[in-house]
Amino acid sequence: MTFFTYPDERLDTLDDAGAIAAVLPLAGERAQHLYSVYSQTRPDATPTQRLAAMLTDRFRVGSIRMAERKAALGRPCLDVSVRFRL
């Protein structure tokens, strides 16, 4: 369970198929492949942890792209990543 997924207790028992189904509205036909990549790069993670990573990476990747575009224009930018574990 993560802070991001805390409100939904159904995620405590989520399996691989459920995680793929949860990301299907966002990733469409690429959902299975996307989950496969996250499974390969996070072999010890639970399906809920992989789903949380996929959902939060949507925001992180957008921020990185924005910073890259600003940097390409010679504009100042700051990209900060914070990881927090209890």
N, C-alpha and C. Protein backbone atom coordinates (compact mmCIF):
# COMPACT_ATOMS: atom_id res chain seq x y z
N MET A 1 0.84 -1.17 0.00
CA MET A 1 0.00 0.00 0.00
C MET A 1 0.89 1.24 0.00
N THR A 2 0.54 2.21 -0.81
CA THR A 2 1.28 3.46 -0.87
C THR A 2 0.33 4.60 -0.53
N PHE A 3 0.88 5.75 -0.26
CA PHE A 3 0.04 6.92 -0.01
C PHE A 3 -0.87 7.17 -1.19
N PHE A 4 -0.34 6.97 -2.39
CA PHE A 4 -1.10 7.22 -3.61
C PHE A 4 -2.30 6.28 -3.74
N THR A 5 -2.15 5.04 -3.28
CA THR A 5 -3.21 4.05 -3.43
C THR A 5 -4.00 3.82 -2.15
N TYR A 6 -3.69 4.54 -1.08
CA TYR A 6 -4.28 4.30 0.23
C TYR A 6 -5.81 4.29 0.26
N PRO A 7 -6.49 5.20 -0.42
CA PRO A 7 -7.94 5.26 -0.27
C PRO A 7 -8.69 4.01 -0.73
N ASP A 8 -8.09 3.16 -1.51
CA ASP A 8 -8.80 2.02 -2.09
C ASP A 8 -8.25 0.71 -1.54
N GLU A 9 -8.94 0.15 -0.57
CA GLU A 9 -8.47 -1.08 0.07
C GLU A 9 -8.53 -2.30 -0.85
N ARG A 10 -9.26 -2.22 -1.95
CA ARG A 10 -9.29 -3.33 -2.90
C ARG A 10 -7.91 -3.59 -3.49
N LEU A 11 -7.06 -2.58 -3.46
CA LEU A 11 -5.73 -2.73 -4.03
C LEU A 11 -4.84 -3.64 -3.18
N ASP A 12 -5.26 -3.92 -1.95
CA ASP A 12 -4.48 -4.83 -1.09
C ASP A 12 -4.40 -6.23 -1.67
N THR A 13 -5.40 -6.63 -2.43
CA THR A 13 -5.45 -7.99 -2.99
C THR A 13 -5.38 -7.98 -4.51
N LEU A 14 -4.89 -6.90 -5.08
CA LEU A 14 -4.81 -6.77 -6.54
C LEU A 14 -3.84 -7.80 -7.12
N ASP A 15 -4.24 -8.43 -8.22
CA ASP A 15 -3.34 -9.34 -8.92
C ASP A 15 -2.90 -8.71 -10.23
N ASP A 16 -2.08 -9.42 -10.99
CA ASP A 16 -1.55 -8.88 -12.25
C ASP A 16 -2.67 -8.49 -13.21
N ALA A 17 -3.66 -9.36 -13.36
CA ALA A 17 -4.77 -9.07 -14.28
C ALA A 17 -5.53 -7.82 -13.85
N GLY A 18 -5.71 -7.67 -12.55
CA GLY A 18 -6.41 -6.49 -12.04
C GLY A 18 -5.62 -5.21 -12.28
N ALA A 19 -4.30 -5.28 -12.15
CA ALA A 19 -3.46 -4.11 -12.40
C ALA A 19 -3.51 -3.72 -13.87
N ILE A 20 -3.48 -4.71 -14.74
CA ILE A 20 -3.57 -4.44 -16.18
C ILE A 20 -4.92 -3.82 -16.51
N ALA A 21 -5.98 -4.36 -15.93
CA ALA A 21 -7.32 -3.81 -16.16
C ALA A 21 -7.42 -2.37 -15.67
N ALA A 22 -6.75 -2.06 -14.55
CA ALA A 22 -6.79 -0.70 -14.00
C ALA A 22 -6.10 0.31 -14.89
N VAL A 23 -5.05 -0.10 -15.58
CA VAL A 23 -4.30 0.82 -16.43
C VAL A 23 -4.85 0.84 -17.87
N LEU A 24 -5.72 -0.08 -18.19
CA LEU A 24 -6.28 -0.18 -19.54
C LEU A 24 -6.93 1.12 -20.03
N PRO A 25 -7.72 1.82 -19.20
CA PRO A 25 -8.31 3.08 -19.70
C PRO A 25 -7.28 4.14 -20.06
N LEU A 26 -6.11 4.08 -19.46
CA LEU A 26 -5.07 5.07 -19.72
C LEU A 26 -4.13 4.65 -20.84
N ALA A 27 -3.84 3.36 -20.92
CA ALA A 27 -2.83 2.88 -21.87
C ALA A 27 -3.43 2.17 -23.09
N GLY A 28 -4.72 1.84 -23.02
CA GLY A 28 -5.35 1.17 -24.15
C GLY A 28 -4.69 -0.16 -24.47
N GLU A 29 -4.50 -0.39 -25.75
CA GLU A 29 -3.94 -1.68 -26.20
C GLU A 29 -2.50 -1.90 -25.74
N ARG A 30 -1.84 -0.87 -25.24
CA ARG A 30 -0.47 -0.99 -24.74
C ARG A 30 -0.41 -1.40 -23.27
N ALA A 31 -1.55 -1.57 -22.62
CA ALA A 31 -1.58 -1.85 -21.18
C ALA A 31 -0.80 -3.11 -20.82
N GLN A 32 -0.99 -4.18 -21.55
CA GLN A 32 -0.29 -5.44 -21.25
C GLN A 32 1.22 -5.26 -21.39
N HIS A 33 1.64 -4.61 -22.47
CA HIS A 33 3.08 -4.39 -22.68
C HIS A 33 3.65 -3.49 -21.59
N LEU A 34 2.94 -2.43 -21.27
CA LEU A 34 3.39 -1.50 -20.23
C LEU A 34 3.57 -2.24 -18.90
N TYR A 35 2.59 -3.04 -18.54
CA TYR A 35 2.70 -3.78 -17.28
C TYR A 35 3.86 -4.77 -17.32
N SER A 36 4.09 -5.36 -18.47
CA SER A 36 5.21 -6.30 -18.64
C SER A 36 6.55 -5.59 -18.40
N VAL A 37 6.68 -4.39 -18.92
CA VAL A 37 7.92 -3.62 -18.72
C VAL A 37 8.12 -3.30 -17.24
N TYR A 38 7.07 -2.86 -16.58
CA TYR A 38 7.17 -2.55 -15.16
C TYR A 38 7.45 -3.81 -14.34
N SER A 39 6.93 -4.95 -14.77
CA SER A 39 7.21 -6.23 -14.09
C SER A 39 8.68 -6.61 -14.23
N GLN A 40 9.25 -6.37 -15.41
CA GLN A 40 10.65 -6.71 -15.64
C GLN A 40 11.59 -5.79 -14.86
N THR A 41 11.22 -4.52 -14.77
CA THR A 41 12.11 -3.56 -14.10
C THR A 41 11.87 -3.51 -12.60
N ARG A 42 10.78 -4.13 -12.15
CA ARG A 42 10.45 -4.17 -10.72
C ARG A 42 10.02 -5.59 -10.34
N PRO A 43 10.92 -6.56 -10.46
CA PRO A 43 10.53 -7.96 -10.26
C PRO A 43 10.07 -8.28 -8.84
N ASP A 44 10.49 -7.53 -7.85
CA ASP A 44 10.10 -7.80 -6.47
C ASP A 44 8.88 -7.01 -6.02
N ALA A 45 8.35 -6.18 -6.90
CA ALA A 45 7.20 -5.34 -6.55
C ALA A 45 5.90 -6.14 -6.64
N THR A 46 4.93 -5.74 -5.84
CA THR A 46 3.60 -6.34 -5.91
C THR A 46 2.84 -5.70 -7.08
N PRO A 47 1.75 -6.31 -7.52
CA PRO A 47 0.95 -5.68 -8.57
C PRO A 47 0.48 -4.27 -8.18
N THR A 48 0.15 -4.06 -6.91
CA THR A 48 -0.26 -2.73 -6.47
C THR A 48 0.89 -1.73 -6.57
N GLN A 49 2.08 -2.15 -6.21
CA GLN A 49 3.24 -1.26 -6.32
C GLN A 49 3.55 -0.93 -7.77
N ARG A 50 3.41 -1.91 -8.65
CA ARG A 50 3.63 -1.65 -10.08
C ARG A 50 2.58 -0.69 -10.62
N LEU A 51 1.33 -0.90 -10.23
CA LEU A 51 0.27 0.00 -10.69
C LEU A 51 0.52 1.42 -10.19
N ALA A 52 0.89 1.57 -8.93
CA ALA A 52 1.18 2.90 -8.39
C ALA A 52 2.34 3.55 -9.14
N ALA A 53 3.35 2.77 -9.49
CA ALA A 53 4.48 3.30 -10.26
C ALA A 53 4.03 3.77 -11.63
N MET A 54 3.20 2.97 -12.29
CA MET A 54 2.72 3.35 -13.62
C MET A 54 1.89 4.64 -13.56
N LEU A 55 1.03 4.74 -12.57
CA LEU A 55 0.17 5.91 -12.46
C LEU A 55 0.94 7.17 -12.08
N THR A 56 1.89 7.05 -11.16
CA THR A 56 2.65 8.23 -10.75
C THR A 56 3.68 8.63 -11.81
N ASP A 57 4.18 7.67 -12.57
CA ASP A 57 5.14 8.00 -13.63
C ASP A 57 4.51 8.87 -14.71
N ARG A 58 3.20 8.80 -14.86
CA ARG A 58 2.53 9.67 -15.83
C ARG A 58 2.84 11.13 -15.52
N PHE A 59 2.84 11.48 -14.24
CA PHE A 59 3.13 12.86 -13.84
C PHE A 59 4.62 13.16 -13.95
N ARG A 60 5.43 12.23 -13.52
CA ARG A 60 6.89 12.43 -13.51
C ARG A 60 7.43 12.60 -14.93
N VAL A 61 6.99 11.76 -15.85
CA VAL A 61 7.47 11.84 -17.22
C VAL A 61 7.06 13.17 -17.86
N GLY A 62 5.86 13.62 -17.59
CA GLY A 62 5.42 14.92 -18.12
C GLY A 62 6.29 16.06 -17.61
N SER A 63 6.66 16.00 -16.35
CA SER A 63 7.52 17.03 -15.77
C SER A 63 8.91 17.01 -16.38
N ILE A 64 9.43 15.81 -16.60
CA ILE A 64 10.75 15.69 -17.23
C ILE A 64 10.72 16.25 -18.65
N ARG A 65 9.69 15.92 -19.39
CA ARG A 65 9.59 16.45 -20.77
C ARG A 65 9.51 17.97 -20.79
N MET A 66 8.76 18.53 -19.85
CA MET A 66 8.66 19.98 -19.78
C MET A 66 10.02 20.60 -19.48
N ALA A 67 10.75 20.03 -18.55
CA ALA A 67 12.08 20.54 -18.20
C ALA A 67 13.03 20.42 -19.40
N GLU A 68 12.96 19.32 -20.12
CA GLU A 68 13.81 19.15 -21.31
C GLU A 68 13.50 20.19 -22.37
N ARG A 69 12.23 20.49 -22.56
CA ARG A 69 11.86 21.51 -23.56
C ARG A 69 12.36 22.89 -23.15
N LYS A 70 12.23 23.22 -21.88
CA LYS A 70 12.73 24.52 -21.40
C LYS A 70 14.24 24.60 -21.56
N ALA A 71 14.93 23.52 -21.20
CA ALA A 71 16.39 23.51 -21.31
C ALA A 71 16.81 23.65 -22.77
N ALA A 72 16.08 23.02 -23.69
CA ALA A 72 16.41 23.11 -25.11
C ALA A 72 16.28 24.54 -25.62
N LEU A 73 15.42 25.33 -24.98
CA LEU A 73 15.24 26.73 -25.36
C LEU A 73 16.21 27.66 -24.61
N GLY A 74 17.06 27.05 -23.77
CA GLY A 74 18.01 27.84 -23.00
C GLY A 74 17.39 28.51 -21.79
N ARG A 75 16.20 28.08 -21.41
CA ARG A 75 15.52 28.66 -20.27
C ARG A 75 15.90 27.90 -19.00
N PRO A 76 15.95 28.59 -17.88
CA PRO A 76 16.28 27.90 -16.63
C PRO A 76 15.17 26.93 -16.23
N CYS A 77 15.58 25.80 -15.71
CA CYS A 77 14.59 24.83 -15.24
C CYS A 77 15.21 24.02 -14.10
N LEU A 78 14.35 23.47 -13.30
CA LEU A 78 14.78 22.67 -12.17
C LEU A 78 13.93 21.41 -12.15
N ASP A 79 14.58 20.28 -12.08
CA ASP A 79 13.88 19.00 -12.03
C ASP A 79 14.26 18.32 -10.71
N VAL A 80 13.30 18.16 -9.83
CA VAL A 80 13.54 17.60 -8.52
C VAL A 80 12.71 16.33 -8.36
N SER A 81 13.33 15.28 -7.88
CA SER A 81 12.62 14.03 -7.63
C SER A 81 12.78 13.68 -6.15
N VAL A 82 11.68 13.38 -5.50
CA VAL A 82 11.71 13.05 -4.08
C VAL A 82 11.10 11.68 -3.88
N ARG A 83 11.80 10.82 -3.17
CA ARG A 83 11.28 9.49 -2.81
C ARG A 83 11.13 9.44 -1.32
N PHE A 84 10.01 8.95 -0.88
CA PHE A 84 9.74 8.88 0.54
C PHE A 84 9.27 7.49 0.89
N ARG A 85 9.88 6.89 1.88
CA ARG A 85 9.48 5.56 2.35
C ARG A 85 9.31 5.61 3.85
N LEU A 86 8.30 4.92 4.31
CA LEU A 86 8.09 4.80 5.76
C LEU A 86 8.84 3.61 6.28
